[in-house]
Amino acid sequence: MDDVDAKFLSRLLDQHSASLVLYAQQWCGSPEDVVQEAILRLMRQQPQPENAVAWLYRVVRNQAIDASRAAGRRTHYEQLASSNRRSWFTSTVENAIDATAAVEMLELLPIEQREAIVLRMWSGLSFEEIAELTGKSTSTAHRRYLAGLAALRKHWSTACPNQESQTE
């Protein structure tokens, strides 16, 4: 790797590694490993993908799903408890949301809605990018995102009846 490639990779990691880990964590319990493997694959990729960020999300998604399937097989044989899964968020004083509550709420959603919300809100992908990544249309990505938000709002309004609901 020459200096330009190293700088590009460093910038890519700085800007997207946390979002990629969060994205992979939807499917598997070892998201850091999945992201690391995707980065290594990107380094070996010749020629470099035209849109490296989109390429990374696609590879992370596929590897995370594969890792999830493998973990399911292991779990079947080893009887692992599902509670060993790490939280999606790191709870800190600066966080504007309760990480535990957010994880619980997101886990209530179907994977398609959860995926759209995580990609849009935490990864900053456009609906076009989400559509390309998931192999669906832009309108489907948008519908899933809106349906997930509506479900979260409904659940939060039920969970917090004393608070006034906010409208956008």
C-alpha atoms as a PDB file:
ATOM      1  CA  MET A   1       0.000   0.000   0.000  1.00  0.00           C
ATOM      2  CA  ASP A   2       1.440   3.406  -0.880  1.00  0.00           C
ATOM      3  CA  ASP A   3       1.025   6.599   1.200  1.00  0.00           C
ATOM      4  CA  VAL A   4      -2.066   7.753  -0.668  1.00  0.00           C
ATOM      5  CA  ASP A   5      -3.797   4.430  -0.105  1.00  0.00           C
ATOM      6  CA  ALA A   6      -2.776   4.409   3.560  1.00  0.00           C
ATOM      7  CA  LYS A   7      -4.177   7.909   4.040  1.00  0.00           C
ATOM      8  CA  PHE A   8      -7.385   6.950   2.262  1.00  0.00           C
ATOM      9  CA  LEU A   9      -7.771   3.829   4.393  1.00  0.00           C
ATOM     10  CA  SER A  10      -7.034   5.762   7.578  1.00  0.00           C
ATOM     11  CA  ARG A  11      -9.660   8.374   6.700  1.00  0.00           C
ATOM     12  CA  LEU A  12     -12.147   5.660   5.781  1.00  0.00           C
ATOM     13  CA  LEU A  13     -11.630   3.912   9.123  1.00  0.00           C
ATOM     14  CA  ASP A  14     -11.907   7.151  11.086  1.00  0.00           C
ATOM     15  CA  GLN A  15     -15.161   8.090   9.387  1.00  0.00           C
ATOM     16  CA  HIS A  16     -16.934   4.751   9.074  1.00  0.00           C
ATOM     17  CA  SER A  17     -15.580   2.056  11.398  1.00  0.00           C
ATOM     18  CA  ALA A  18     -17.976   2.770  14.275  1.00  0.00           C
ATOM     19  CA  SER A  19     -20.981   2.808  11.934  1.00  0.00           C
ATOM     20  CA  LEU A  20     -19.832  -0.390  10.248  1.00  0.00           C
ATOM     21  CA  VAL A  21     -19.497  -2.134  13.621  1.00  0.00           C
ATOM     22  CA  LEU A  22     -22.959  -0.939  14.631  1.00  0.00           C
ATOM     23  CA  TYR A  23     -24.351  -2.126  11.317  1.00  0.00           C
ATOM     24  CA  ALA A  24     -22.743  -5.579  11.603  1.00  0.00           C
ATOM     25  CA  GLN A  25     -23.924  -5.933  15.180  1.00  0.00           C
ATOM     26  CA  GLN A  26     -27.501  -6.314  13.964  1.00  0.00           C
ATOM     27  CA  TRP A  27     -26.690  -9.806  12.769  1.00  0.00           C
ATOM     28  CA  CYS A  28     -23.720 -11.136  14.675  1.00  0.00           C
ATOM     29  CA  GLY A  29     -22.003 -11.083  18.025  1.00  0.00           C
ATOM     30  CA  SER A  30     -18.530 -10.408  16.633  1.00  0.00           C
ATOM     31  CA  PRO A  31     -19.015  -7.217  14.592  1.00  0.00           C
ATOM     32  CA  GLU A  32     -15.446  -5.960  15.100  1.00  0.00           C
ATOM     33  CA  ASP A  33     -14.101  -9.165  13.513  1.00  0.00           C
ATOM     34  CA  VAL A  34     -16.464  -8.802  10.569  1.00  0.00           C
ATOM     35  CA  VAL A  35     -15.438  -5.176   9.996  1.00  0.00           C
ATOM     36  CA  GLN A  36     -11.755  -6.042  10.331  1.00  0.00           C
ATOM     37  CA  GLU A  37     -12.097  -8.825   7.753  1.00  0.00           C
ATOM     38  CA  ALA A  38     -13.938  -6.448   5.404  1.00  0.00           C
ATOM     39  CA  ILE A  39     -11.160  -3.863   5.735  1.00  0.00           C
ATOM     40  CA  LEU A  40      -8.556  -6.533   4.968  1.00  0.00           C
ATOM     41  CA  ARG A  41     -10.532  -7.599   1.909  1.00  0.00           C
ATOM     42  CA  LEU A  42     -10.682  -3.955   0.774  1.00  0.00           C
ATOM     43  CA  MET A  43      -6.911  -3.685   1.100  1.00  0.00           C
ATOM     44  CA  ARG A  44      -6.482  -6.757  -1.135  1.00  0.00           C
ATOM     45  CA  GLN A  45      -9.158  -5.686  -3.620  1.00  0.00           C
ATOM     46  CA  GLN A  46      -7.694  -4.935  -7.038  1.00  0.00           C
ATOM     47  CA  PRO A  47      -8.791  -2.682  -8.559  1.00  0.00           C
ATOM     48  CA  GLN A  48     -10.180  -0.674  -5.684  1.00  0.00           C
ATOM     49  CA  PRO A  49     -13.996  -0.410  -5.722  1.00  0.00           C
ATOM     50  CA  GLU A  50     -15.438   2.746  -7.232  1.00  0.00           C
ATOM     51  CA  ASN A  51     -17.425   3.482  -4.058  1.00  0.00           C
ATOM     52  CA  ALA A  52     -15.364   1.988  -1.228  1.00  0.00           C
ATOM     53  CA  VAL A  53     -17.864   2.918   1.484  1.00  0.00           C
ATOM     54  CA  ALA A  54     -20.785   1.212  -0.239  1.00  0.00           C
ATOM     55  CA  TRP A  55     -18.550  -1.771  -1.009  1.00  0.00           C
ATOM     56  CA  LEU A  56     -17.571  -2.037   2.666  1.00  0.00           C
ATOM     57  CA  TYR A  57     -21.185  -1.945   3.821  1.00  0.00           C
ATOM     58  CA  ARG A  58     -22.094  -4.696   1.347  1.00  0.00           C
ATOM     59  CA  VAL A  59     -19.172  -6.901   2.455  1.00  0.00           C
ATOM     60  CA  VAL A  60     -19.857  -6.244   6.151  1.00  0.00           C
ATOM     61  CA  ARG A  61     -23.525  -7.106   5.661  1.00  0.00           C
ATOM     62  CA  ASN A  62     -22.774 -10.363   3.854  1.00  0.00           C
ATOM     63  CA  GLN A  63     -20.078 -11.416   6.303  1.00  0.00           C
ATOM     64  CA  ALA A  64     -22.199 -10.503   9.314  1.00  0.00           C
ATOM     65  CA  ILE A  65     -25.079 -12.615   7.998  1.00  0.00           C
ATOM     66  CA  ASP A  66     -22.665 -15.501   7.378  1.00  0.00           C
ATOM     67  CA  ALA A  67     -21.221 -15.075  10.871  1.00  0.00           C
ATOM     68  CA  SER A  68     -24.738 -15.096  12.296  1.00  0.00           C
ATOM     69  CA  ARG A  69     -25.559 -18.350  10.551  1.00  0.00           C
ATOM     70  CA  ALA A  70     -22.341 -19.916  11.793  1.00  0.00           C
ATOM     71  CA  ALA A  71     -23.058 -18.717  15.320  1.00  0.00           C
ATOM     72  CA  GLY A  72     -26.536 -20.204  15.103  1.00  0.00           C
ATOM     73  CA  ARG A  73     -25.066 -23.555  14.216  1.00  0.00           C
ATOM     74  CA  ARG A  74     -22.572 -23.308  17.087  1.00  0.00           C
ATOM     75  CA  THR A  75     -25.305 -22.231  19.469  1.00  0.00           C
ATOM     76  CA  HIS A  76     -27.371 -25.237  18.549  1.00  0.00           C
ATOM     77  CA  TYR A  77     -24.547 -27.567  19.479  1.00  0.00           C
ATOM     78  CA  GLU A  78     -23.117 -25.642  22.416  1.00  0.00           C
ATOM     79  CA  GLN A  79     -26.365 -24.277  23.929  1.00  0.00           C
ATOM     80  CA  LEU A  80     -25.002 -20.756  24.262  1.00  0.00           C
ATOM     81  CA  ALA A  81     -27.179 -18.224  25.998  1.00  0.00           C
ATOM     82  CA  SER A  82     -28.266 -15.331  23.794  1.00  0.00           C
ATOM     83  CA  SER A  83     -27.667 -12.898  26.632  1.00  0.00           C
ATOM     84  CA  ASN A  84     -23.936 -12.910  25.903  1.00  0.00           C
ATOM     85  CA  ARG A  85     -24.479 -10.529  23.017  1.00  0.00           C
ATOM     86  CA  ARG A  86     -22.901  -7.132  23.491  1.00  0.00           C
ATOM     87  CA  SER A  87     -24.979  -3.994  23.549  1.00  0.00           C
ATOM     88  CA  TRP A  88     -25.378  -2.028  20.306  1.00  0.00           C
ATOM     89  CA  PHE A  89     -24.492   1.188  22.048  1.00  0.00           C
ATOM     90  CA  THR A  90     -21.890   2.268  24.546  1.00  0.00           C
ATOM     91  CA  SER A  91     -23.747   4.132  27.239  1.00  0.00           C
ATOM     92  CA  THR A  92     -21.988   7.315  28.373  1.00  0.00           C
ATOM     93  CA  VAL A  93     -23.022  10.464  30.171  1.00  0.00           C
ATOM     94  CA  GLU A  94     -22.957  12.371  26.880  1.00  0.00           C
ATOM     95  CA  ASN A  95     -25.459  10.057  25.181  1.00  0.00           C
ATOM     96  CA  ALA A  96     -28.809  11.675  24.551  1.00  0.00           C
ATOM     97  CA  ILE A  97     -30.575   8.306  24.693  1.00  0.00           C
ATOM     98  CA  ASP A  98     -30.640   5.462  27.173  1.00  0.00           C
ATOM     99  CA  ALA A  99     -28.556   2.813  25.395  1.00  0.00           C
ATOM    100  CA  THR A 100     -30.302  -0.139  27.031  1.00  0.00           C
ATOM    101  CA  ALA A 101     -33.747   1.193  26.172  1.00  0.00           C
ATOM    102  CA  ALA A 102     -32.673   1.947  22.594  1.00  0.00           C
ATOM    103  CA  VAL A 103     -31.341  -1.576  22.101  1.00  0.00           C
ATOM    104  CA  GLU A 104     -34.508  -3.091  23.534  1.00  0.00           C
ATOM    105  CA  MET A 105     -36.642  -0.915  21.283  1.00  0.00           C
ATOM    106  CA  LEU A 106     -34.635  -1.695  18.143  1.00  0.00           C
ATOM    107  CA  GLU A 107     -34.718  -5.421  18.873  1.00  0.00           C
ATOM    108  CA  LEU A 108     -38.529  -5.270  18.820  1.00  0.00           C
ATOM    109  CA  LEU A 109     -38.471  -4.219  15.173  1.00  0.00           C
ATOM    110  CA  PRO A 110     -38.288  -6.606  12.240  1.00  0.00           C
ATOM    111  CA  ILE A 111     -34.724  -6.854  10.898  1.00  0.00           C
ATOM    112  CA  GLU A 112     -35.624  -4.952   7.704  1.00  0.00           C
ATOM    113  CA  GLN A 113     -36.900  -1.917   9.636  1.00  0.00           C
ATOM    114  CA  ARG A 114     -34.064  -2.067  12.161  1.00  0.00           C
ATOM    115  CA  GLU A 115     -31.514  -2.251   9.344  1.00  0.00           C
ATOM    116  CA  ALA A 116     -32.989   0.803   7.586  1.00  0.00           C
ATOM    117  CA  ILE A 117     -33.005   2.840  10.808  1.00  0.00           C
ATOM    118  CA  VAL A 118     -29.429   1.943  11.755  1.00  0.00           C
ATOM    119  CA  LEU A 119     -28.130   2.632   8.255  1.00  0.00           C
ATOM    120  CA  ARG A 120     -29.947   5.955   8.001  1.00  0.00           C
ATOM    121  CA  MET A 121     -29.570   7.352  11.519  1.00  0.00           C
ATOM    122  CA  TRP A 122     -26.217   6.024  12.703  1.00  0.00           C
ATOM    123  CA  SER A 123     -24.433   5.349   9.441  1.00  0.00           C
ATOM    124  CA  GLY A 124     -25.739   8.367   7.548  1.00  0.00           C
ATOM    125  CA  LEU A 125     -26.498   6.456   4.359  1.00  0.00           C
ATOM    126  CA  SER A 126     -29.013   7.874   1.897  1.00  0.00           C
ATOM    127  CA  PHE A 127     -32.115   5.897   0.985  1.00  0.00           C
ATOM    128  CA  GLU A 128     -30.555   5.254  -2.419  1.00  0.00           C
ATOM    129  CA  GLU A 129     -27.483   3.738  -0.748  1.00  0.00           C
ATOM    130  CA  ILE A 130     -29.644   1.689   1.617  1.00  0.00           C
ATOM    131  CA  ALA A 131     -31.669   0.431  -1.339  1.00  0.00           C
ATOM    132  CA  GLU A 132     -28.546  -0.587  -3.231  1.00  0.00           C
ATOM    133  CA  LEU A 133     -27.079  -2.268  -0.163  1.00  0.00           C
ATOM    134  CA  THR A 134     -30.199  -4.281   0.645  1.00  0.00           C
ATOM    135  CA  GLY A 135     -31.126  -5.038  -2.956  1.00  0.00           C
ATOM    136  CA  LYS A 136     -34.498  -3.285  -2.651  1.00  0.00           C
ATOM    137  CA  SER A 137     -35.973  -0.145  -4.174  1.00  0.00           C
ATOM    138  CA  THR A 138     -35.437   3.311  -2.715  1.00  0.00           C
ATOM    139  CA  SER A 139     -39.125   3.550  -1.870  1.00  0.00           C
ATOM    140  CA  THR A 140     -38.973   0.218  -0.020  1.00  0.00           C
ATOM    141  CA  ALA A 141     -35.963   1.417   1.987  1.00  0.00           C
ATOM    142  CA  HIS A 142     -37.840   4.627   2.811  1.00  0.00           C
ATOM    143  CA  ARG A 143     -41.029   2.751   3.755  1.00  0.00           C
ATOM    144  CA  ARG A 144     -39.103   0.414   6.058  1.00  0.00           C
ATOM    145  CA  TYR A 145     -37.397   3.372   7.717  1.00  0.00           C
ATOM    146  CA  LEU A 146     -40.686   5.214   8.263  1.00  0.00           C
ATOM    147  CA  ALA A 147     -42.456   2.074   9.476  1.00  0.00           C
ATOM    148  CA  GLY A 148     -39.671   1.439  11.976  1.00  0.00           C
ATOM    149  CA  LEU A 149     -39.801   5.019  13.250  1.00  0.00           C
ATOM    150  CA  ALA A 150     -43.573   4.819  13.582  1.00  0.00           C
ATOM    151  CA  ALA A 151     -43.290   1.586  15.564  1.00  0.00           C
ATOM    152  CA  LEU A 152     -40.678   3.132  17.847  1.00  0.00           C
ATOM    153  CA  ARG A 153     -42.799   6.241  18.394  1.00  0.00           C
ATOM    154  CA  LYS A 154     -45.851   4.126  19.159  1.00  0.00           C
ATOM    155  CA  HIS A 155     -43.957   1.973  21.640  1.00  0.00           C
ATOM    156  CA  TRP A 156     -42.311   4.959  23.314  1.00  0.00           C
ATOM    157  CA  SER A 157     -45.641   6.755  23.673  1.00  0.00           C
ATOM    158  CA  THR A 158     -47.061   3.609  25.286  1.00  0.00           C
ATOM    159  CA  ALA A 159     -44.014   3.179  27.521  1.00  0.00           C
ATOM    160  CA  CYS A 160     -44.038   6.846  28.616  1.00  0.00           C
ATOM    161  CA  PRO A 161     -47.714   7.867  28.966  1.00  0.00           C
ATOM    162  CA  ASN A 162     -46.934  10.903  31.166  1.00  0.00           C
ATOM    163  CA  GLN A 163     -44.756  12.595  28.556  1.00  0.00           C
ATOM    164  CA  GLU A 164     -46.209  14.609  25.738  1.00  0.00           C
ATOM    165  CA  SER A 165     -45.417  13.165  22.329  1.00  0.00           C
ATOM    166  CA  GLN A 166     -43.338  15.356  20.050  1.00  0.00           C
ATOM    167  CA  THR A 167     -44.304  15.928  16.478  1.00  0.00           C
ATOM    168  CA  GLU A 168     -41.917  16.673  13.656  1.00  0.00           C
END
